[in-house]
Amino acid sequence: KFRPGQVWTLNSMREQPNARLTILRVESFPEIGPVVHVAVSGVSFGNGHTTISHLPFAESAIQRSVATLERETGSLPDYAEGYRQWREAFDAGKAGVFTITVAAAFYAVTGISFPPNP
C-alpha cells in the first residue's frame, strides 16, 4: 500500500491543515515487520520549521494516520542523514519505530501540546 514518493494528507492534524506525509522508504525487519520511513511537511513549529525530514513508523501506525492519497509519485526530500543516524542507533539496539499515530509523534517530537479531541 505504501510506496516511496506517495504524498498523503493526515487525519488528526486539524490545527496543521497543510500537513502532508511523504513516504520515503519502506523496509521490513524480522523482529518488527514493515517499517515506513516518512517526512512530514507543511507544519509549523518552533522557529518557523515546516518539515520533519525523517521519522520511522510501524506500518500499522501509518495506516491509522493517513487520510487521502494526494499523489502516487513525487520527488523525495533529502533524508539520508536522518535515516543513517536512525539506522546506526537501531542496529545498536538504541532506537526503534513509532507505533503511535503520526499526529501523536509530531506533538511528541516538537514538544507542542497535543490538542484535545473534539
N, C-alpha and C. Protein backbone atom coordinates (compact mmCIF):
# COMPACT_ATOMS: atom_id res chain seq x y z
N LYS A 1 0.82 -1.21 0.00
CA LYS A 1 0.00 0.00 0.00
C LYS A 1 0.86 1.26 0.00
N PHE A 2 1.92 1.25 0.75
CA PHE A 2 2.76 2.44 0.86
C PHE A 2 4.02 2.27 0.03
N ARG A 3 4.31 3.30 -0.78
CA ARG A 3 5.47 3.27 -1.66
C ARG A 3 6.19 4.62 -1.65
N PRO A 4 7.51 4.61 -1.80
CA PRO A 4 8.25 5.87 -1.82
C PRO A 4 7.70 6.84 -2.87
N GLY A 5 7.61 8.08 -2.46
CA GLY A 5 7.11 9.14 -3.33
C GLY A 5 5.66 9.49 -3.11
N GLN A 6 4.90 8.60 -2.48
CA GLN A 6 3.50 8.91 -2.22
C GLN A 6 3.40 10.08 -1.24
N VAL A 7 2.38 10.93 -1.46
CA VAL A 7 2.10 12.04 -0.56
C VAL A 7 0.67 11.89 -0.06
N TRP A 8 0.51 11.92 1.25
CA TRP A 8 -0.78 11.71 1.91
C TRP A 8 -1.15 12.90 2.78
N THR A 9 -2.44 13.17 2.91
CA THR A 9 -2.92 14.07 3.95
C THR A 9 -3.01 13.24 5.23
N LEU A 10 -3.04 13.94 6.33
CA LEU A 10 -3.06 13.27 7.64
C LEU A 10 -4.38 13.54 8.35
N ASN A 11 -4.87 12.54 9.05
CA ASN A 11 -6.01 12.80 9.91
C ASN A 11 -5.50 13.24 11.28
N SER A 12 -6.33 13.77 12.09
CA SER A 12 -5.99 14.22 13.45
C SER A 12 -4.97 15.35 13.49
N MET A 13 -4.89 16.14 12.44
CA MET A 13 -3.98 17.29 12.43
C MET A 13 -4.75 18.55 11.99
N ARG A 14 -5.94 18.76 12.55
CA ARG A 14 -6.78 19.89 12.16
C ARG A 14 -6.08 21.23 12.32
N GLU A 15 -5.27 21.37 13.36
CA GLU A 15 -4.58 22.64 13.60
C GLU A 15 -3.35 22.81 12.71
N GLN A 16 -3.05 21.81 11.89
CA GLN A 16 -1.95 21.85 10.91
C GLN A 16 -2.54 21.45 9.55
N PRO A 17 -3.43 22.27 8.98
CA PRO A 17 -4.17 21.86 7.78
C PRO A 17 -3.32 21.63 6.54
N ASN A 18 -2.11 22.17 6.52
CA ASN A 18 -1.23 21.98 5.36
C ASN A 18 -0.28 20.79 5.53
N ALA A 19 -0.43 20.06 6.61
CA ALA A 19 0.47 18.93 6.88
C ALA A 19 0.31 17.85 5.82
N ARG A 20 1.43 17.37 5.34
CA ARG A 20 1.47 16.28 4.37
C ARG A 20 2.55 15.29 4.78
N LEU A 21 2.30 14.03 4.49
CA LEU A 21 3.23 12.96 4.80
C LEU A 21 3.75 12.42 3.47
N THR A 22 5.06 12.35 3.34
CA THR A 22 5.70 11.76 2.15
C THR A 22 6.36 10.45 2.55
N ILE A 23 6.04 9.40 1.83
CA ILE A 23 6.68 8.10 2.08
C ILE A 23 8.09 8.16 1.49
N LEU A 24 9.08 7.91 2.32
CA LEU A 24 10.48 7.97 1.89
C LEU A 24 11.03 6.60 1.54
N ARG A 25 10.71 5.62 2.35
CA ARG A 25 11.31 4.30 2.21
C ARG A 25 10.44 3.31 2.98
N VAL A 26 10.35 2.10 2.47
CA VAL A 26 9.64 1.02 3.17
C VAL A 26 10.59 -0.17 3.22
N GLU A 27 10.77 -0.70 4.41
CA GLU A 27 11.63 -1.88 4.56
C GLU A 27 11.06 -2.76 5.65
N SER A 28 11.46 -3.99 5.67
CA SER A 28 10.92 -4.93 6.64
C SER A 28 12.04 -5.51 7.48
N PHE A 29 11.74 -5.67 8.76
CA PHE A 29 12.69 -6.26 9.70
C PHE A 29 12.00 -7.45 10.35
N PRO A 30 12.68 -8.59 10.44
CA PRO A 30 12.05 -9.80 11.00
C PRO A 30 11.46 -9.58 12.39
N GLU A 31 12.14 -8.79 13.20
CA GLU A 31 11.70 -8.63 14.59
C GLU A 31 10.54 -7.64 14.77
N ILE A 32 10.32 -6.74 13.80
CA ILE A 32 9.24 -5.74 13.98
C ILE A 32 8.32 -5.61 12.78
N GLY A 33 8.64 -6.24 11.68
CA GLY A 33 7.79 -6.16 10.50
C GLY A 33 8.08 -4.94 9.64
N PRO A 34 7.09 -4.54 8.83
CA PRO A 34 7.30 -3.42 7.91
C PRO A 34 7.50 -2.09 8.65
N VAL A 35 8.50 -1.35 8.20
CA VAL A 35 8.78 -0.01 8.73
C VAL A 35 8.64 0.97 7.57
N VAL A 36 7.85 2.01 7.80
CA VAL A 36 7.62 3.04 6.79
C VAL A 36 8.31 4.31 7.28
N HIS A 37 9.27 4.77 6.51
CA HIS A 37 10.01 5.99 6.83
C HIS A 37 9.31 7.14 6.11
N VAL A 38 9.06 8.22 6.86
CA VAL A 38 8.30 9.33 6.30
C VAL A 38 8.94 10.67 6.60
N ALA A 39 8.55 11.66 5.82
CA ALA A 39 8.82 13.07 6.12
C ALA A 39 7.46 13.73 6.31
N VAL A 40 7.41 14.70 7.20
CA VAL A 40 6.18 15.46 7.42
C VAL A 40 6.48 16.90 7.04
N SER A 41 5.71 17.44 6.11
CA SER A 41 5.92 18.80 5.64
C SER A 41 4.64 19.62 5.83
N GLY A 42 4.78 20.93 5.65
CA GLY A 42 3.63 21.81 5.77
C GLY A 42 3.16 22.01 7.20
N VAL A 43 4.07 21.84 8.15
CA VAL A 43 3.73 22.00 9.56
C VAL A 43 4.47 23.20 10.14
N SER A 44 3.90 23.77 11.17
CA SER A 44 4.52 24.91 11.84
C SER A 44 4.87 24.53 13.27
N PHE A 45 6.11 24.75 13.63
CA PHE A 45 6.56 24.51 14.99
C PHE A 45 7.88 25.22 15.21
N GLY A 46 8.15 25.58 16.43
CA GLY A 46 9.43 26.16 16.78
C GLY A 46 9.75 27.42 16.00
N ASN A 47 10.96 27.50 15.53
CA ASN A 47 11.47 28.69 14.86
C ASN A 47 11.12 28.71 13.39
N GLY A 48 9.84 28.57 13.06
CA GLY A 48 9.41 28.62 11.68
C GLY A 48 9.67 27.35 10.90
N HIS A 49 9.99 26.26 11.57
CA HIS A 49 10.22 24.99 10.88
C HIS A 49 8.95 24.56 10.15
N THR A 50 9.13 23.94 9.02
CA THR A 50 7.98 23.48 8.25
C THR A 50 8.09 22.02 7.82
N THR A 51 9.20 21.37 8.17
CA THR A 51 9.40 19.97 7.75
C THR A 51 10.14 19.18 8.81
N ILE A 52 9.70 17.95 8.99
CA ILE A 52 10.47 16.96 9.76
C ILE A 52 10.93 15.96 8.71
N SER A 53 12.24 15.87 8.53
CA SER A 53 12.77 15.16 7.36
C SER A 53 12.79 13.64 7.46
N HIS A 54 12.71 13.07 8.67
CA HIS A 54 12.73 11.61 8.77
C HIS A 54 12.13 11.15 10.09
N LEU A 55 11.13 10.30 9.99
CA LEU A 55 10.55 9.61 11.15
C LEU A 55 10.23 8.18 10.73
N PRO A 56 10.63 7.19 11.54
CA PRO A 56 10.31 5.79 11.22
C PRO A 56 9.06 5.32 11.97
N PHE A 57 8.16 4.65 11.26
CA PHE A 57 6.91 4.18 11.85
C PHE A 57 6.64 2.73 11.51
N ALA A 58 5.95 2.05 12.42
CA ALA A 58 5.37 0.75 12.09
C ALA A 58 4.29 1.01 11.04
N GLU A 59 4.15 0.10 10.10
CA GLU A 59 3.16 0.28 9.02
C GLU A 59 1.75 0.49 9.59
N SER A 60 1.42 -0.21 10.65
CA SER A 60 0.09 -0.07 11.24
C SER A 60 -0.16 1.35 11.75
N ALA A 61 0.86 2.03 12.22
CA ALA A 61 0.71 3.41 12.68
C ALA A 61 0.44 4.34 11.50
N ILE A 62 1.08 4.08 10.37
CA ILE A 62 0.84 4.89 9.17
C ILE A 62 -0.59 4.66 8.68
N GLN A 63 -1.04 3.42 8.71
CA GLN A 63 -2.41 3.12 8.27
C GLN A 63 -3.43 3.89 9.10
N ARG A 64 -3.18 4.05 10.40
CA ARG A 64 -4.10 4.80 11.27
C ARG A 64 -3.97 6.31 11.09
N SER A 65 -2.91 6.77 10.46
CA SER A 65 -2.59 8.19 10.40
C SER A 65 -3.01 8.89 9.13
N VAL A 66 -3.02 8.17 8.00
CA VAL A 66 -3.25 8.83 6.72
C VAL A 66 -4.72 8.94 6.40
N ALA A 67 -5.04 10.00 5.62
CA ALA A 67 -6.43 10.22 5.23
C ALA A 67 -6.60 10.01 3.73
N THR A 68 -5.98 10.86 2.93
CA THR A 68 -6.19 10.84 1.48
C THR A 68 -4.86 10.80 0.75
N LEU A 69 -4.75 9.92 -0.23
CA LEU A 69 -3.57 9.89 -1.08
C LEU A 69 -3.68 11.02 -2.09
N GLU A 70 -2.75 11.99 -2.03
CA GLU A 70 -2.77 13.12 -2.95
C GLU A 70 -1.99 12.86 -4.23
N ARG A 71 -0.85 12.16 -4.08
CA ARG A 71 0.00 11.86 -5.24
C ARG A 71 0.61 10.49 -5.07
N GLU A 72 0.70 9.77 -6.18
CA GLU A 72 1.35 8.45 -6.18
C GLU A 72 2.86 8.56 -6.20
N THR A 73 3.39 9.55 -6.90
CA THR A 73 4.84 9.70 -7.02
C THR A 73 5.22 11.15 -6.91
N GLY A 74 6.41 11.37 -6.46
CA GLY A 74 6.95 12.72 -6.35
C GLY A 74 8.39 12.64 -5.93
N SER A 75 9.04 13.79 -5.93
CA SER A 75 10.44 13.82 -5.52
C SER A 75 10.52 13.66 -4.01
N LEU A 76 11.58 13.06 -3.57
CA LEU A 76 11.78 12.82 -2.15
C LEU A 76 12.70 13.89 -1.57
N PRO A 77 12.37 14.36 -0.37
CA PRO A 77 13.31 15.28 0.29
C PRO A 77 14.56 14.51 0.70
N ASP A 78 15.62 15.24 0.99
CA ASP A 78 16.87 14.60 1.40
C ASP A 78 16.72 14.10 2.84
N TYR A 79 16.69 12.81 3.00
CA TYR A 79 16.52 12.21 4.32
C TYR A 79 17.69 11.32 4.70
N ALA A 80 18.71 11.27 3.87
CA ALA A 80 19.81 10.32 4.06
C ALA A 80 20.46 10.42 5.43
N GLU A 81 20.74 11.61 5.90
CA GLU A 81 21.43 11.76 7.19
C GLU A 81 20.54 11.31 8.35
N GLY A 82 19.27 11.68 8.33
CA GLY A 82 18.35 11.25 9.38
C GLY A 82 18.20 9.74 9.40
N TYR A 83 18.09 9.15 8.20
CA TYR A 83 17.97 7.69 8.12
C TYR A 83 19.24 7.03 8.62
N ARG A 84 20.40 7.55 8.23
CA ARG A 84 21.68 6.97 8.65
C ARG A 84 21.79 6.97 10.17
N GLN A 85 21.45 8.11 10.79
CA GLN A 85 21.54 8.19 12.25
C GLN A 85 20.58 7.19 12.90
N TRP A 86 19.36 7.13 12.39
CA TRP A 86 18.40 6.19 12.95
C TRP A 86 18.89 4.75 12.78
N ARG A 87 19.37 4.40 11.60
CA ARG A 87 19.78 3.02 11.31
C ARG A 87 20.94 2.59 12.19
N GLU A 88 21.91 3.49 12.39
CA GLU A 88 23.03 3.15 13.28
C GLU A 88 22.53 2.89 14.69
N ALA A 89 21.65 3.75 15.18
CA ALA A 89 21.10 3.57 16.52
C ALA A 89 20.22 2.31 16.58
N PHE A 90 19.43 2.07 15.55
CA PHE A 90 18.58 0.88 15.50
C PHE A 90 19.42 -0.39 15.53
N ASP A 91 20.45 -0.44 14.70
CA ASP A 91 21.32 -1.62 14.64
C ASP A 91 22.04 -1.85 15.97
N ALA A 92 22.26 -0.77 16.73
CA ALA A 92 22.91 -0.88 18.04
C ALA A 92 21.91 -1.16 19.16
N GLY A 93 20.64 -1.30 18.81
CA GLY A 93 19.62 -1.56 19.81
C GLY A 93 19.21 -0.34 20.61
N LYS A 94 19.48 0.85 20.08
CA LYS A 94 19.20 2.08 20.82
C LYS A 94 18.11 2.93 20.19
N ALA A 95 17.42 2.41 19.19
CA ALA A 95 16.32 3.15 18.55
C ALA A 95 15.29 2.15 18.07
N GLY A 96 14.09 2.63 17.92
CA GLY A 96 13.00 1.78 17.43
C GLY A 96 12.18 2.53 16.41
N VAL A 97 10.91 2.21 16.38
CA VAL A 97 9.99 2.89 15.46
C VAL A 97 8.77 3.35 16.24
N PHE A 98 8.14 4.39 15.74
CA PHE A 98 6.91 4.86 16.36
C PHE A 98 5.78 3.87 16.06
N THR A 99 4.99 3.60 17.07
CA THR A 99 3.79 2.78 16.89
C THR A 99 2.54 3.62 17.15
N ILE A 100 2.74 4.87 17.54
CA ILE A 100 1.65 5.82 17.72
C ILE A 100 1.37 6.50 16.38
N THR A 101 0.30 7.25 16.30
CA THR A 101 -0.02 7.93 15.04
C THR A 101 1.02 9.00 14.72
N VAL A 102 1.04 9.41 13.46
CA VAL A 102 1.95 10.47 13.04
C VAL A 102 1.64 11.76 13.80
N ALA A 103 0.36 12.05 14.00
CA ALA A 103 -0.01 13.26 14.74
C ALA A 103 0.57 13.22 16.16
N ALA A 104 0.41 12.10 16.86
CA ALA A 104 0.93 11.99 18.21
C ALA A 104 2.46 12.10 18.22
N ALA A 105 3.12 11.49 17.24
CA ALA A 105 4.58 11.58 17.16
C ALA A 105 5.02 13.01 16.87
N PHE A 106 4.29 13.71 16.00
CA PHE A 106 4.62 15.10 15.70
C PHE A 106 4.61 15.93 16.98
N TYR A 107 3.56 15.78 17.78
CA TYR A 107 3.48 16.56 19.01
C TYR A 107 4.55 16.14 20.00
N ALA A 108 4.88 14.87 20.05
CA ALA A 108 5.93 14.40 20.95
C ALA A 108 7.31 14.94 20.54
N VAL A 109 7.59 14.90 19.24
CA VAL A 109 8.90 15.34 18.73
C VAL A 109 9.07 16.84 18.85
N THR A 110 8.02 17.60 18.61
CA THR A 110 8.13 19.06 18.61
C THR A 110 7.92 19.67 19.98
N GLY A 111 7.33 18.91 20.91
CA GLY A 111 7.07 19.46 22.22
C GLY A 111 5.81 20.30 22.31
N ILE A 112 5.04 20.34 21.23
CA ILE A 112 3.77 21.07 21.23
C ILE A 112 2.75 20.21 21.98
N SER A 113 1.90 20.86 22.76
CA SER A 113 0.84 20.11 23.47
C SER A 113 -0.11 19.49 22.48
N PHE A 114 -0.42 18.23 22.68
CA PHE A 114 -1.36 17.52 21.81
C PHE A 114 -2.74 18.11 22.05
N PRO A 115 -3.43 18.52 20.98
CA PRO A 115 -4.75 19.13 21.17
C PRO A 115 -5.77 18.10 21.64
N PRO A 116 -6.75 18.56 22.42
CA PRO A 116 -7.80 17.62 22.86
C PRO A 116 -8.67 17.18 21.70
N ASN A 117 -9.27 16.01 21.81
CA ASN A 117 -10.20 15.55 20.79
C ASN A 117 -11.47 16.38 20.86
N PRO A 118 -12.11 16.65 19.71
CA PRO A 118 -13.33 17.45 19.74
C PRO A 118 -14.47 16.68 20.38
